[in-house]
Amino acid sequence: MEHSDEDLYFRYHRSGDLQAFNQLYERYKGALYRFILRMIGNSATAEEVFQEVWASLIKSNQYRQGPGSFKTFVYTIARNKAIDHYRRNRIQLVSDAYVQEEQIEESEWDGADQAQAITKAVEALPAEQKEVFLLKVEAEMSLEEIAQMGGESREAIKSRYRYAVAKIRKWVSEENNDG
């Protein structure tokens, strides 16, 4: 029987079940790290922030079952840690990795050049649009979950996401026409 994320979290915090924690870690480590990497743009720093997220989850018993899922809780911590890093270091949040978005059709791109164009387009997005785009694509969160994270309306998040996708498409199209 597969346990829910919430059940695993509570098993770990209530009884110290390390197997439950390890299952949570295995479920989230890849996508969560990629999200942080794309927010931070530097692998060494992303690894540091990634570890801070897990340390927070170990120490904190803040998650309460309610309208938000455990996934939303984890990505909220990651987002906040990335923002804290940004504020501490006064650096721009950038992406240094390839992002594939399901709404950008494969016919629009051709190999490494287009992957590079997409990466540049994501880097060029305003921080709020980039954050929504990466949460949707990398974390596979719904617009509702992203809205809950920031206490914003679904429509505001949907608008940011649409603008981000439009800008990425435009950038890729212009890069293809220039090449």
Foldseek 3Di string as FASTA:
>chain_A
DDDFLVVLLCCCVVPVPVVSVVVNCVVPVPLLLLLLCQQAVDNVVSVVLSVVLSVCSNPDPPDDDDDADVLLVSVLSSVVSSVVVCVVVVDHGAGDFFFDDPVQDPVLDDPPLLSVLLRVLLRPQDSLLNNLQSCCGRSVDDLVSVCVSVVHDSVVSVVSPVVSVVSSSVSSNVSVVVD
